């Protein structure tokens, strides 16, 4: 039986390489964010996988403190797009700012399913 391959190298380049080559079904673990105090008590867990329609607060960076609904979760790149968090391109077009899940806190869980 195969076991999970974990990087044991201390070299940042090898760690990044492992993350890039990681299978998509294992990237789910990277897309976890901390839960708010109320949700921690309700669910009994410290973190949860970020899903579309969850409401999150940004905890790090220049957009710290802003709140919004998750619009897209990209497992391939490991980034999350939040509603209302955009930047303007040089051509005038607005695009979502990619944010890592570790920089977010889930305030409200979205509905599961359609």
N, C-alpha and C. Protein backbone atom coordinates (compact mmCIF):
# COMPACT_ATOMS: atom_id res chain seq x y z
N UNK A 1 0.84 -1.18 0.00
CA UNK A 1 0.00 0.00 0.00
C UNK A 1 0.88 1.24 0.00
N UNK A 2 0.54 2.20 -0.87
CA UNK A 2 1.33 3.43 -0.93
C UNK A 2 0.98 4.36 0.21
N UNK A 3 1.98 5.07 0.69
CA UNK A 3 1.74 6.06 1.72
C UNK A 3 1.82 7.45 1.10
N UNK A 4 1.29 8.44 1.83
CA UNK A 4 1.35 9.82 1.34
C UNK A 4 2.80 10.28 1.29
N UNK A 5 3.18 10.87 0.17
CA UNK A 5 4.53 11.38 0.05
C UNK A 5 4.57 12.79 0.62
N UNK A 6 5.40 13.00 1.60
CA UNK A 6 5.56 14.32 2.18
C UNK A 6 6.97 14.79 1.90
N UNK A 7 7.11 16.07 1.67
CA UNK A 7 8.43 16.62 1.42
C UNK A 7 9.21 16.66 2.74
N UNK A 8 10.41 16.19 2.70
CA UNK A 8 11.24 16.20 3.89
C UNK A 8 12.40 17.18 3.73
N UNK A 9 12.46 17.78 2.56
CA UNK A 9 13.55 18.70 2.28
C UNK A 9 13.31 20.05 2.96
N UNK A 10 14.38 20.68 3.37
CA UNK A 10 14.28 22.02 3.96
C UNK A 10 14.47 23.09 2.88
N UNK A 11 14.82 22.66 1.69
CA UNK A 11 15.06 23.61 0.61
C UNK A 11 13.75 24.16 0.06
N UNK A 12 13.58 25.48 0.04
CA UNK A 12 12.34 26.08 -0.45
C UNK A 12 12.00 25.70 -1.89
N UNK A 13 13.00 25.58 -2.72
CA UNK A 13 12.77 25.22 -4.13
C UNK A 13 12.14 23.85 -4.27
N UNK A 14 12.62 22.89 -3.47
CA UNK A 14 12.06 21.54 -3.52
C UNK A 14 10.66 21.51 -2.93
N UNK A 15 10.41 22.33 -1.91
CA UNK A 15 9.07 22.40 -1.33
C UNK A 15 8.08 22.97 -2.34
N UNK A 16 8.48 24.02 -3.06
CA UNK A 16 7.61 24.60 -4.09
C UNK A 16 7.36 23.59 -5.20
N UNK A 17 8.38 22.85 -5.59
CA UNK A 17 8.25 21.84 -6.62
C UNK A 17 7.25 20.77 -6.20
N UNK A 18 7.32 20.35 -4.94
CA UNK A 18 6.37 19.35 -4.43
C UNK A 18 4.94 19.89 -4.50
N UNK A 19 4.75 21.14 -4.14
CA UNK A 19 3.41 21.75 -4.19
C UNK A 19 2.89 21.82 -5.62
N UNK A 20 3.77 22.16 -6.56
CA UNK A 20 3.35 22.25 -7.97
C UNK A 20 2.98 20.90 -8.55
N UNK A 21 3.69 19.85 -8.13
CA UNK A 21 3.46 18.52 -8.69
C UNK A 21 2.46 17.70 -7.88
N UNK A 22 1.93 18.28 -6.81
CA UNK A 22 0.99 17.56 -5.96
C UNK A 22 -0.31 17.26 -6.73
N UNK A 23 -0.85 16.06 -6.59
CA UNK A 23 -2.09 15.72 -7.27
C UNK A 23 -3.24 16.61 -6.79
N UNK A 24 -4.18 16.88 -7.68
CA UNK A 24 -5.28 17.81 -7.38
C UNK A 24 -6.12 17.33 -6.20
N UNK A 25 -6.32 16.02 -6.05
CA UNK A 25 -7.15 15.53 -4.96
C UNK A 25 -6.49 15.73 -3.59
N UNK A 26 -5.17 15.94 -3.56
CA UNK A 26 -4.50 16.20 -2.29
C UNK A 26 -4.38 17.69 -2.00
N UNK A 27 -4.60 18.52 -3.01
CA UNK A 27 -4.50 19.97 -2.82
C UNK A 27 -5.61 20.50 -1.94
N UNK A 28 -6.63 19.72 -1.72
CA UNK A 28 -7.74 20.09 -0.84
C UNK A 28 -7.22 20.49 0.54
N UNK A 29 -6.18 19.82 1.02
CA UNK A 29 -5.63 20.11 2.33
C UNK A 29 -4.98 21.49 2.40
N UNK A 30 -4.50 22.00 1.27
CA UNK A 30 -3.89 23.32 1.23
C UNK A 30 -4.96 24.41 1.30
N UNK A 31 -6.17 24.07 0.85
CA UNK A 31 -7.25 25.05 0.77
C UNK A 31 -8.09 25.11 2.05
N UNK A 32 -7.46 24.88 3.19
CA UNK A 32 -8.17 24.98 4.47
C UNK A 32 -7.91 26.35 5.08
N UNK A 33 -8.95 26.87 5.75
CA UNK A 33 -8.84 28.15 6.45
C UNK A 33 -9.40 27.99 7.85
N UNK A 34 -8.96 28.86 8.76
CA UNK A 34 -9.45 28.83 10.13
C UNK A 34 -10.92 29.22 10.18
N UNK A 35 -11.61 28.74 11.19
CA UNK A 35 -13.01 29.06 11.40
C UNK A 35 -13.14 30.15 12.47
N UNK A 36 -14.24 30.91 12.44
CA UNK A 36 -14.50 31.91 13.47
C UNK A 36 -14.82 31.19 14.78
N UNK A 37 -14.81 31.93 15.88
CA UNK A 37 -15.05 31.31 17.20
C UNK A 37 -16.40 30.62 17.27
N UNK A 38 -17.42 31.25 16.71
CA UNK A 38 -18.77 30.68 16.74
C UNK A 38 -18.82 29.36 15.97
N UNK A 39 -18.19 29.34 14.80
CA UNK A 39 -18.19 28.12 13.99
C UNK A 39 -17.34 27.02 14.63
N UNK A 40 -16.26 27.41 15.32
CA UNK A 40 -15.43 26.41 16.02
C UNK A 40 -16.26 25.67 17.06
N UNK A 41 -17.07 26.44 17.82
CA UNK A 41 -17.91 25.82 18.85
C UNK A 41 -19.00 24.96 18.23
N UNK A 42 -19.57 25.45 17.13
CA UNK A 42 -20.66 24.75 16.46
C UNK A 42 -20.21 23.44 15.83
N UNK A 43 -19.08 23.49 15.09
CA UNK A 43 -18.60 22.33 14.34
C UNK A 43 -17.68 21.45 15.17
N UNK A 44 -16.89 22.06 16.04
CA UNK A 44 -15.96 21.30 16.85
C UNK A 44 -14.63 21.07 16.15
N UNK A 45 -14.34 21.87 15.13
CA UNK A 45 -13.06 21.79 14.41
C UNK A 45 -12.42 23.16 14.38
N UNK A 46 -11.12 23.18 14.11
CA UNK A 46 -10.38 24.43 14.06
C UNK A 46 -10.37 25.03 12.66
N UNK A 47 -10.32 24.17 11.63
CA UNK A 47 -10.25 24.65 10.26
C UNK A 47 -11.18 23.84 9.37
N UNK A 48 -11.43 24.38 8.20
CA UNK A 48 -12.36 23.74 7.26
C UNK A 48 -11.93 24.10 5.85
N UNK A 49 -12.24 23.24 4.89
CA UNK A 49 -11.92 23.51 3.49
C UNK A 49 -12.81 24.64 2.99
N UNK A 50 -12.21 25.62 2.32
CA UNK A 50 -12.96 26.76 1.79
C UNK A 50 -13.72 26.31 0.55
N UNK A 51 -15.02 26.64 0.51
CA UNK A 51 -15.87 26.29 -0.63
C UNK A 51 -16.51 27.53 -1.21
N UNK A 52 -16.99 27.39 -2.42
CA UNK A 52 -17.72 28.46 -3.06
C UNK A 52 -18.96 28.77 -2.20
N UNK A 53 -19.32 30.01 -2.09
CA UNK A 53 -20.45 30.57 -1.31
C UNK A 53 -20.16 30.71 0.18
N UNK A 54 -18.99 30.33 0.68
CA UNK A 54 -18.63 30.62 2.07
C UNK A 54 -18.37 32.12 2.20
N UNK A 55 -18.64 32.66 3.38
CA UNK A 55 -18.33 34.07 3.65
C UNK A 55 -17.03 34.09 4.46
N UNK A 56 -16.05 34.87 3.98
CA UNK A 56 -14.73 34.89 4.60
C UNK A 56 -14.30 36.32 4.91
N UNK A 57 -13.34 36.43 5.85
CA UNK A 57 -12.70 37.71 6.17
C UNK A 57 -11.22 37.54 5.89
N UNK A 58 -10.63 38.56 5.26
CA UNK A 58 -9.20 38.51 4.96
C UNK A 58 -8.43 38.92 6.22
N UNK A 59 -7.45 38.10 6.60
CA UNK A 59 -6.71 38.31 7.84
C UNK A 59 -5.32 38.90 7.63
N UNK A 60 -4.78 38.80 6.43
CA UNK A 60 -3.42 39.28 6.16
C UNK A 60 -3.39 40.10 4.88
N UNK A 61 -2.38 40.97 4.78
CA UNK A 61 -2.18 41.73 3.56
C UNK A 61 -2.83 43.11 3.60
N UNK A 62 -2.74 43.82 2.49
CA UNK A 62 -3.26 45.19 2.44
C UNK A 62 -4.78 45.25 2.45
N UNK A 63 -5.45 44.15 2.18
CA UNK A 63 -6.91 44.11 2.19
C UNK A 63 -7.44 43.49 3.47
N UNK A 64 -6.63 43.52 4.52
CA UNK A 64 -6.97 42.93 5.82
C UNK A 64 -8.26 43.54 6.36
N UNK A 65 -9.14 42.66 6.88
CA UNK A 65 -10.39 43.12 7.48
C UNK A 65 -11.58 43.14 6.54
N UNK A 66 -11.34 43.01 5.24
CA UNK A 66 -12.45 43.03 4.28
C UNK A 66 -13.16 41.69 4.28
N UNK A 67 -14.47 41.76 4.09
CA UNK A 67 -15.32 40.57 4.16
C UNK A 67 -16.01 40.38 2.82
N UNK A 68 -16.18 39.14 2.42
CA UNK A 68 -16.86 38.87 1.16
C UNK A 68 -17.17 37.40 0.97
N UNK A 69 -17.97 37.13 -0.05
CA UNK A 69 -18.37 35.77 -0.38
C UNK A 69 -17.36 35.18 -1.36
N UNK A 70 -17.05 33.90 -1.21
CA UNK A 70 -16.10 33.23 -2.11
C UNK A 70 -16.79 33.02 -3.46
N UNK A 71 -16.12 33.51 -4.51
CA UNK A 71 -16.64 33.40 -5.87
C UNK A 71 -16.09 32.16 -6.56
N UNK A 72 -14.79 31.89 -6.37
CA UNK A 72 -14.14 30.76 -7.03
C UNK A 72 -13.03 30.20 -6.17
N UNK A 73 -12.86 28.88 -6.24
CA UNK A 73 -11.76 28.19 -5.57
C UNK A 73 -11.02 27.41 -6.63
N UNK A 74 -9.74 27.71 -6.81
CA UNK A 74 -8.94 27.06 -7.83
C UNK A 74 -7.98 26.09 -7.16
N UNK A 75 -8.27 24.81 -7.27
CA UNK A 75 -7.41 23.80 -6.64
C UNK A 75 -6.06 23.70 -7.33
N UNK A 76 -6.02 23.92 -8.60
CA UNK A 76 -4.78 23.80 -9.36
C UNK A 76 -3.74 24.81 -8.88
N UNK A 77 -4.15 26.08 -8.76
CA UNK A 77 -3.21 27.12 -8.35
C UNK A 77 -3.18 27.32 -6.83
N UNK A 78 -4.25 26.89 -6.14
CA UNK A 78 -4.30 27.06 -4.69
C UNK A 78 -4.81 28.41 -4.25
N UNK A 79 -5.42 29.17 -5.16
CA UNK A 79 -5.91 30.51 -4.86
C UNK A 79 -7.42 30.55 -4.77
N UNK A 80 -7.90 31.55 -4.03
CA UNK A 80 -9.33 31.76 -3.83
C UNK A 80 -9.67 33.17 -4.27
N UNK A 81 -10.82 33.35 -4.92
CA UNK A 81 -11.28 34.68 -5.33
C UNK A 81 -12.48 35.06 -4.48
N UNK A 82 -12.43 36.28 -3.93
CA UNK A 82 -13.48 36.76 -3.03
C UNK A 82 -14.22 37.92 -3.70
N UNK A 83 -15.54 37.90 -3.56
CA UNK A 83 -16.39 38.93 -4.14
C UNK A 83 -16.04 40.30 -3.56
N UNK A 84 -15.86 41.29 -4.43
CA UNK A 84 -15.55 42.65 -3.98
C UNK A 84 -14.07 42.93 -3.82
N UNK A 85 -13.23 41.92 -3.89
CA UNK A 85 -11.78 42.11 -3.78
C UNK A 85 -11.20 42.04 -5.19
N UNK A 86 -11.09 43.21 -5.82
CA UNK A 86 -10.62 43.28 -7.20
C UNK A 86 -9.53 44.32 -7.33
N UNK A 87 -8.85 44.28 -8.48
CA UNK A 87 -7.88 45.32 -8.83
C UNK A 87 -8.09 45.68 -10.29
N UNK A 88 -7.69 46.88 -10.65
CA UNK A 88 -7.87 47.35 -12.01
C UNK A 88 -6.63 47.08 -12.82
N UNK A 89 -6.82 46.53 -14.02
CA UNK A 89 -5.71 46.28 -14.93
C UNK A 89 -5.42 47.58 -15.69
N UNK A 90 -4.30 47.62 -16.38
CA UNK A 90 -3.92 48.83 -17.11
C UNK A 90 -4.90 49.17 -18.23
N UNK A 91 -5.60 48.18 -18.74
CA UNK A 91 -6.60 48.42 -19.79
C UNK A 91 -7.95 48.87 -19.24
N UNK A 92 -8.08 48.93 -17.91
CA UNK A 92 -9.32 49.36 -17.29
C UNK A 92 -10.21 48.22 -16.81
N UNK A 93 -9.84 46.99 -17.15
CA UNK A 93 -10.63 45.83 -16.76
C UNK A 93 -10.39 45.49 -15.28
N UNK A 94 -11.44 45.08 -14.57
CA UNK A 94 -11.32 44.68 -13.17
C UNK A 94 -11.19 43.16 -13.08
N UNK A 95 -10.23 42.70 -12.29
CA UNK A 95 -10.03 41.26 -12.11
C UNK A 95 -9.97 40.95 -10.62
N UNK A 96 -10.34 39.71 -10.25
CA UNK A 96 -10.28 39.29 -8.86
C UNK A 96 -8.83 39.13 -8.42
N UNK A 97 -8.58 39.47 -7.16
CA UNK A 97 -7.24 39.32 -6.59
C UNK A 97 -7.14 37.91 -6.02
N UNK A 98 -6.15 37.11 -6.44
CA UNK A 98 -6.00 35.76 -5.89
C UNK A 98 -5.47 35.81 -4.46
N UNK A 99 -6.11 35.05 -3.57
CA UNK A 99 -5.74 35.04 -2.15
C UNK A 99 -5.53 33.59 -1.71
N UNK A 100 -4.49 33.36 -0.92
CA UNK A 100 -4.25 32.03 -0.36
C UNK A 100 -5.21 31.77 0.79
N UNK A 101 -5.61 30.52 0.95
CA UNK A 101 -6.59 30.14 1.98
C UNK A 101 -6.06 30.38 3.39
N UNK A 102 -4.75 30.31 3.57
CA UNK A 102 -4.18 30.50 4.90
C UNK A 102 -4.32 31.94 5.38
N UNK A 103 -4.63 32.86 4.47
CA UNK A 103 -4.80 34.27 4.82
C UNK A 103 -6.26 34.64 5.07
N UNK A 104 -7.13 33.64 5.13
CA UNK A 104 -8.56 33.89 5.29
C UNK A 104 -9.08 33.26 6.58
N UNK A 105 -10.24 33.77 7.04
CA UNK A 105 -10.97 33.15 8.15
C UNK A 105 -12.41 32.98 7.69
N UNK A 106 -12.95 31.79 7.86
CA UNK A 106 -14.34 31.52 7.46
C UNK A 106 -15.27 32.03 8.56
N UNK A 107 -16.20 32.91 8.18
CA UNK A 107 -17.13 33.50 9.12
C UNK A 107 -18.48 32.78 9.04
N UNK A 108 -18.84 32.36 7.83
CA UNK A 108 -20.13 31.72 7.62
C UNK A 108 -19.97 30.65 6.54
N UNK A 109 -20.47 29.46 6.80
CA UNK A 109 -20.39 28.38 5.81
C UNK A 109 -21.52 28.51 4.80
N UNK A 110 -21.19 28.27 3.53
CA UNK A 110 -22.20 28.30 2.48
C UNK A 110 -22.99 27.02 2.46
N UNK A 111 -24.02 27.02 1.62
CA UNK A 111 -24.85 25.82 1.49
C UNK A 111 -24.12 24.75 0.70
N UNK A 112 -24.26 23.50 1.12
CA UNK A 112 -23.64 22.37 0.44
C UNK A 112 -24.59 21.89 -0.65
N UNK A 113 -24.06 21.66 -1.83
CA UNK A 113 -24.90 21.20 -2.95
C UNK A 113 -25.53 22.36 -3.67
N UNK A 114 -26.37 22.02 -4.66
CA UNK A 114 -26.99 23.07 -5.48
C UNK A 114 -28.29 23.42 -4.93
